[in-house]
Amino acid sequence: MNTVINLVNDFGSWLASYNTYLSIAIVATFLVVFGGDLNSFAKRLFSSFHIVIRVIGFIVCSIGYGILTIYANSYLEKLIGSLAPIYVIVLVFVAYIFLAIFSNKRN
């Protein structure tokens, strides 16, 4: 039993050492899965305005994606860094399972 616990802790520690890459990957996958919905919401929101306002609105949306990526990545990186190894494994697997389920339901 101790061998299994040691293997899980070692795997969690190894996974946590890549917390920067994990957080970027999770945030990027989230934006890919839900980006279409955000774009369609912005399109509905700005559709009745003049073309100049629509262009400015979509520029603001793209800047918002960048800001969301930076801040969500920073928060998630700190969260992953502060968790115990077993919880890093759980967080990563649950996040990707959640994103995979929502991605599948959209297709």
N, C-alpha and C. Protein backbone atom coordinates (compact mmCIF):
# COMPACT_ATOMS: atom_id res chain seq x y z
N MET A 1 0.82 -1.20 0.00
CA MET A 1 0.00 0.00 0.00
C MET A 1 0.86 1.26 0.00
N ASN A 2 1.96 1.21 0.75
CA ASN A 2 2.87 2.36 0.78
C ASN A 2 3.48 2.63 -0.59
N THR A 3 3.69 1.57 -1.36
CA THR A 3 4.25 1.73 -2.69
C THR A 3 3.29 2.52 -3.58
N VAL A 4 2.01 2.21 -3.49
CA VAL A 4 1.01 2.92 -4.29
C VAL A 4 0.93 4.38 -3.88
N ILE A 5 0.95 4.63 -2.58
CA ILE A 5 0.91 6.00 -2.09
C ILE A 5 2.15 6.77 -2.54
N ASN A 6 3.30 6.14 -2.48
CA ASN A 6 4.53 6.78 -2.94
C ASN A 6 4.48 7.07 -4.43
N LEU A 7 3.96 6.13 -5.21
CA LEU A 7 3.85 6.35 -6.65
C LEU A 7 2.89 7.50 -6.98
N VAL A 8 1.77 7.55 -6.26
CA VAL A 8 0.81 8.64 -6.48
C VAL A 8 1.43 9.98 -6.09
N ASN A 9 2.12 10.03 -4.97
CA ASN A 9 2.78 11.27 -4.55
C ASN A 9 3.87 11.68 -5.53
N ASP A 10 4.65 10.72 -6.01
CA ASP A 10 5.69 11.03 -6.98
C ASP A 10 5.09 11.55 -8.29
N PHE A 11 4.02 10.90 -8.74
CA PHE A 11 3.37 11.36 -9.97
C PHE A 11 2.76 12.74 -9.78
N GLY A 12 2.13 12.99 -8.63
CA GLY A 12 1.56 14.30 -8.35
C GLY A 12 2.62 15.38 -8.26
N SER A 13 3.75 15.05 -7.66
CA SER A 13 4.86 16.02 -7.58
C SER A 13 5.44 16.31 -8.96
N TRP A 14 5.58 15.27 -9.74
CA TRP A 14 6.08 15.45 -11.11
C TRP A 14 5.11 16.31 -11.91
N LEU A 15 3.82 16.04 -11.78
CA LEU A 15 2.80 16.81 -12.49
C LEU A 15 2.78 18.26 -12.01
N ALA A 16 2.93 18.47 -10.71
CA ALA A 16 2.92 19.83 -10.16
C ALA A 16 4.13 20.63 -10.61
N SER A 17 5.21 19.95 -10.97
CA SER A 17 6.39 20.69 -11.44
C SER A 17 6.15 21.34 -12.80
N TYR A 18 5.10 20.92 -13.48
CA TYR A 18 4.72 21.52 -14.76
C TYR A 18 3.50 22.41 -14.61
N ASN A 19 3.34 23.04 -13.45
CA ASN A 19 2.12 23.80 -13.19
C ASN A 19 1.92 24.96 -14.15
N THR A 20 2.98 25.58 -14.64
CA THR A 20 2.83 26.67 -15.62
C THR A 20 2.22 26.14 -16.90
N TYR A 21 2.72 25.03 -17.39
CA TYR A 21 2.20 24.45 -18.63
C TYR A 21 0.79 23.91 -18.45
N LEU A 22 0.54 23.30 -17.30
CA LEU A 22 -0.80 22.78 -17.03
C LEU A 22 -1.84 23.90 -16.98
N SER A 23 -1.50 24.99 -16.31
CA SER A 23 -2.47 26.08 -16.20
C SER A 23 -2.72 26.74 -17.55
N ILE A 24 -1.69 26.92 -18.35
CA ILE A 24 -1.89 27.48 -19.69
C ILE A 24 -2.74 26.55 -20.54
N ALA A 25 -2.47 25.26 -20.45
CA ALA A 25 -3.23 24.29 -21.26
C ALA A 25 -4.70 24.25 -20.85
N ILE A 26 -4.98 24.30 -19.55
CA ILE A 26 -6.36 24.27 -19.10
C ILE A 26 -7.10 25.53 -19.51
N VAL A 27 -6.48 26.69 -19.34
CA VAL A 27 -7.12 27.96 -19.72
C VAL A 27 -7.33 28.01 -21.23
N ALA A 28 -6.34 27.59 -22.00
CA ALA A 28 -6.47 27.61 -23.46
C ALA A 28 -7.57 26.66 -23.93
N THR A 29 -7.63 25.48 -23.32
CA THR A 29 -8.69 24.53 -23.69
C THR A 29 -10.05 25.08 -23.32
N PHE A 30 -10.16 25.73 -22.17
CA PHE A 30 -11.42 26.37 -21.77
C PHE A 30 -11.84 27.41 -22.80
N LEU A 31 -10.90 28.23 -23.25
CA LEU A 31 -11.23 29.27 -24.23
C LEU A 31 -11.61 28.66 -25.59
N VAL A 32 -10.99 27.57 -25.96
CA VAL A 32 -11.35 26.91 -27.21
C VAL A 32 -12.76 26.33 -27.13
N VAL A 33 -13.07 25.69 -26.01
CA VAL A 33 -14.38 25.06 -25.86
C VAL A 33 -15.49 26.09 -25.76
N PHE A 34 -15.28 27.14 -24.98
CA PHE A 34 -16.33 28.11 -24.73
C PHE A 34 -16.17 29.41 -25.52
N GLY A 35 -15.13 29.54 -26.33
CA GLY A 35 -14.90 30.76 -27.09
C GLY A 35 -15.99 31.04 -28.11
N GLY A 36 -16.52 30.01 -28.72
CA GLY A 36 -17.60 30.20 -29.69
C GLY A 36 -18.83 30.80 -29.05
N ASP A 37 -19.15 30.36 -27.85
CA ASP A 37 -20.30 30.92 -27.14
C ASP A 37 -20.06 32.39 -26.77
N LEU A 38 -18.84 32.68 -26.34
CA LEU A 38 -18.52 34.07 -26.01
C LEU A 38 -18.59 34.95 -27.25
N ASN A 39 -18.10 34.44 -28.37
CA ASN A 39 -18.16 35.21 -29.62
C ASN A 39 -19.59 35.41 -30.10
N SER A 40 -20.42 34.39 -30.00
CA SER A 40 -21.80 34.55 -30.43
C SER A 40 -22.56 35.51 -29.52
N PHE A 41 -22.25 35.51 -28.23
CA PHE A 41 -22.86 36.48 -27.33
C PHE A 41 -22.46 37.90 -27.71
N ALA A 42 -21.16 38.09 -27.99
CA ALA A 42 -20.70 39.42 -28.40
C ALA A 42 -21.32 39.83 -29.73
N LYS A 43 -21.48 38.88 -30.63
CA LYS A 43 -22.08 39.18 -31.93
C LYS A 43 -23.53 39.63 -31.75
N ARG A 44 -24.29 38.92 -30.91
CA ARG A 44 -25.67 39.33 -30.63
C ARG A 44 -25.72 40.69 -29.95
N LEU A 45 -24.78 40.93 -29.06
CA LEU A 45 -24.76 42.18 -28.30
C LEU A 45 -24.48 43.38 -29.21
N PHE A 46 -23.56 43.21 -30.16
CA PHE A 46 -23.15 44.34 -31.00
C PHE A 46 -23.81 44.37 -32.36
N SER A 47 -24.69 43.44 -32.66
CA SER A 47 -25.25 43.34 -34.02
C SER A 47 -26.09 44.54 -34.43
N SER A 48 -26.70 45.22 -33.49
CA SER A 48 -27.57 46.34 -33.84
C SER A 48 -26.83 47.67 -33.94
N PHE A 49 -25.53 47.65 -33.65
CA PHE A 49 -24.76 48.89 -33.67
C PHE A 49 -24.10 49.12 -35.03
N HIS A 50 -23.58 50.32 -35.21
CA HIS A 50 -22.85 50.69 -36.43
C HIS A 50 -21.58 49.84 -36.53
N ILE A 51 -21.08 49.68 -37.75
CA ILE A 51 -19.92 48.82 -38.01
C ILE A 51 -18.69 49.23 -37.20
N VAL A 52 -18.50 50.53 -37.01
CA VAL A 52 -17.34 51.00 -36.24
C VAL A 52 -17.44 50.53 -34.79
N ILE A 53 -18.63 50.62 -34.22
CA ILE A 53 -18.85 50.17 -32.85
C ILE A 53 -18.67 48.64 -32.75
N ARG A 54 -19.13 47.91 -33.76
CA ARG A 54 -18.96 46.46 -33.77
C ARG A 54 -17.48 46.07 -33.81
N VAL A 55 -16.72 46.77 -34.64
CA VAL A 55 -15.28 46.48 -34.73
C VAL A 55 -14.60 46.78 -33.40
N ILE A 56 -14.94 47.91 -32.80
CA ILE A 56 -14.36 48.26 -31.50
C ILE A 56 -14.76 47.22 -30.45
N GLY A 57 -16.01 46.77 -30.50
CA GLY A 57 -16.48 45.75 -29.56
C GLY A 57 -15.70 44.45 -29.69
N PHE A 58 -15.42 44.03 -30.91
CA PHE A 58 -14.67 42.79 -31.09
C PHE A 58 -13.19 42.97 -30.74
N ILE A 59 -12.67 44.16 -30.92
CA ILE A 59 -11.30 44.42 -30.45
C ILE A 59 -11.24 44.32 -28.94
N VAL A 60 -12.24 44.88 -28.26
CA VAL A 60 -12.32 44.79 -26.80
C VAL A 60 -12.46 43.33 -26.37
N CYS A 61 -13.24 42.56 -27.12
CA CYS A 61 -13.39 41.12 -26.80
C CYS A 61 -12.06 40.39 -26.93
N SER A 62 -11.31 40.68 -27.96
CA SER A 62 -10.03 39.99 -28.13
C SER A 62 -9.04 40.41 -27.05
N ILE A 63 -9.08 41.67 -26.65
CA ILE A 63 -8.23 42.10 -25.53
C ILE A 63 -8.70 41.40 -24.24
N GLY A 64 -10.01 41.25 -24.11
CA GLY A 64 -10.56 40.54 -22.95
C GLY A 64 -10.11 39.10 -22.89
N TYR A 65 -10.01 38.44 -24.05
CA TYR A 65 -9.49 37.06 -24.08
C TYR A 65 -8.06 37.03 -23.56
N GLY A 66 -7.26 38.00 -23.97
CA GLY A 66 -5.87 38.06 -23.51
C GLY A 66 -5.78 38.30 -22.02
N ILE A 67 -6.60 39.22 -21.51
CA ILE A 67 -6.60 39.51 -20.08
C ILE A 67 -7.08 38.29 -19.30
N LEU A 68 -8.14 37.65 -19.80
CA LEU A 68 -8.64 36.44 -19.14
C LEU A 68 -7.57 35.36 -19.11
N THR A 69 -6.85 35.19 -20.19
CA THR A 69 -5.79 34.19 -20.25
C THR A 69 -4.70 34.48 -19.22
N ILE A 70 -4.29 35.73 -19.14
CA ILE A 70 -3.21 36.10 -18.22
C ILE A 70 -3.62 35.90 -16.77
N TYR A 71 -4.79 36.44 -16.40
CA TYR A 71 -5.20 36.37 -15.00
C TYR A 71 -5.65 34.97 -14.58
N ALA A 72 -6.37 34.27 -15.44
CA ALA A 72 -6.79 32.91 -15.10
C ALA A 72 -5.58 32.00 -15.01
N ASN A 73 -4.62 32.18 -15.90
CA ASN A 73 -3.40 31.37 -15.87
C ASN A 73 -2.64 31.63 -14.58
N SER A 74 -2.51 32.88 -14.19
CA SER A 74 -1.78 33.22 -12.97
C SER A 74 -2.47 32.61 -11.74
N TYR A 75 -3.79 32.74 -11.68
CA TYR A 75 -4.53 32.18 -10.55
C TYR A 75 -4.42 30.66 -10.51
N LEU A 76 -4.61 30.02 -11.65
CA LEU A 76 -4.55 28.57 -11.70
C LEU A 76 -3.15 28.04 -11.39
N GLU A 77 -2.14 28.76 -11.84
CA GLU A 77 -0.76 28.37 -11.55
C GLU A 77 -0.49 28.42 -10.04
N LYS A 78 -0.97 29.48 -9.38
CA LYS A 78 -0.79 29.57 -7.93
C LYS A 78 -1.58 28.48 -7.21
N LEU A 79 -2.78 28.18 -7.71
CA LEU A 79 -3.60 27.14 -7.10
C LEU A 79 -2.92 25.78 -7.22
N ILE A 80 -2.44 25.45 -8.39
CA ILE A 80 -1.77 24.16 -8.59
C ILE A 80 -0.50 24.08 -7.73
N GLY A 81 0.21 25.19 -7.62
CA GLY A 81 1.43 25.19 -6.81
C GLY A 81 1.18 25.03 -5.33
N SER A 82 -0.02 25.39 -4.87
CA SER A 82 -0.30 25.32 -3.44
C SER A 82 -0.96 24.01 -3.00
N LEU A 83 -1.33 23.17 -3.96
CA LEU A 83 -2.03 21.94 -3.62
C LEU A 83 -1.07 20.80 -3.31
N ALA A 84 -1.57 19.85 -2.52
CA ALA A 84 -0.82 18.62 -2.28
C ALA A 84 -0.80 17.80 -3.57
N PRO A 85 0.19 16.94 -3.74
CA PRO A 85 0.32 16.19 -5.01
C PRO A 85 -0.92 15.41 -5.43
N ILE A 86 -1.62 14.80 -4.49
CA ILE A 86 -2.81 14.02 -4.85
C ILE A 86 -3.90 14.93 -5.40
N TYR A 87 -4.00 16.14 -4.84
CA TYR A 87 -5.03 17.07 -5.31
C TYR A 87 -4.68 17.69 -6.66
N VAL A 88 -3.39 17.76 -6.97
CA VAL A 88 -2.99 18.22 -8.31
C VAL A 88 -3.48 17.22 -9.35
N ILE A 89 -3.30 15.94 -9.06
CA ILE A 89 -3.77 14.90 -9.98
C ILE A 89 -5.28 15.00 -10.15
N VAL A 90 -6.00 15.13 -9.04
CA VAL A 90 -7.46 15.21 -9.09
C VAL A 90 -7.90 16.45 -9.88
N LEU A 91 -7.29 17.60 -9.61
CA LEU A 91 -7.66 18.84 -10.29
C LEU A 91 -7.45 18.74 -11.79
N VAL A 92 -6.31 18.23 -12.20
CA VAL A 92 -6.01 18.14 -13.63
C VAL A 92 -6.98 17.17 -14.32
N PHE A 93 -7.19 16.01 -13.74
CA PHE A 93 -8.09 15.05 -14.37
C PHE A 93 -9.54 15.54 -14.39
N VAL A 94 -10.00 16.14 -13.31
CA VAL A 94 -11.38 16.65 -13.27
C VAL A 94 -11.55 17.79 -14.26
N ALA A 95 -10.57 18.67 -14.35
CA ALA A 95 -10.66 19.79 -15.28
C ALA A 95 -10.76 19.30 -16.72
N TYR A 96 -9.92 18.35 -17.08
CA TYR A 96 -9.96 17.85 -18.46
C TYR A 96 -11.18 16.98 -18.74
N ILE A 97 -11.64 16.25 -17.75
CA ILE A 97 -12.88 15.48 -17.95
C ILE A 97 -14.05 16.43 -18.13
N PHE A 98 -14.13 17.46 -17.30
CA PHE A 98 -15.18 18.48 -17.43
C PHE A 98 -15.15 19.13 -18.81
N LEU A 99 -13.97 19.55 -19.25
CA LEU A 99 -13.85 20.18 -20.57
C LEU A 99 -14.17 19.21 -21.70
N ALA A 100 -13.78 17.96 -21.54
CA ALA A 100 -14.07 16.96 -22.58
C ALA A 100 -15.57 16.69 -22.68
N ILE A 101 -16.26 16.62 -21.54
CA ILE A 101 -17.69 16.39 -21.57
C ILE A 101 -18.41 17.54 -22.25
N PHE A 102 -18.07 18.77 -21.88
CA PHE A 102 -18.72 19.92 -22.51
C PHE A 102 -18.35 20.05 -23.99
N SER A 103 -17.14 19.68 -24.33
CA SER A 103 -16.73 19.72 -25.73
C SER A 103 -17.52 18.69 -26.54
N ASN A 104 -17.70 17.52 -25.97
CA ASN A 104 -18.48 16.46 -26.65
C ASN A 104 -19.93 16.84 -26.81
N LYS A 105 -20.52 17.46 -25.82
CA LYS A 105 -21.93 17.85 -25.90
C LYS A 105 -22.17 18.92 -26.96
N ARG A 106 -21.16 19.68 -27.26
CA ARG A 106 -21.30 20.74 -28.26
C ARG A 106 -21.28 20.19 -29.69
N ASN A 107 -20.71 19.03 -29.87
CA ASN A 107 -20.60 18.47 -31.23
C ASN A 107 -21.69 17.53 -31.49
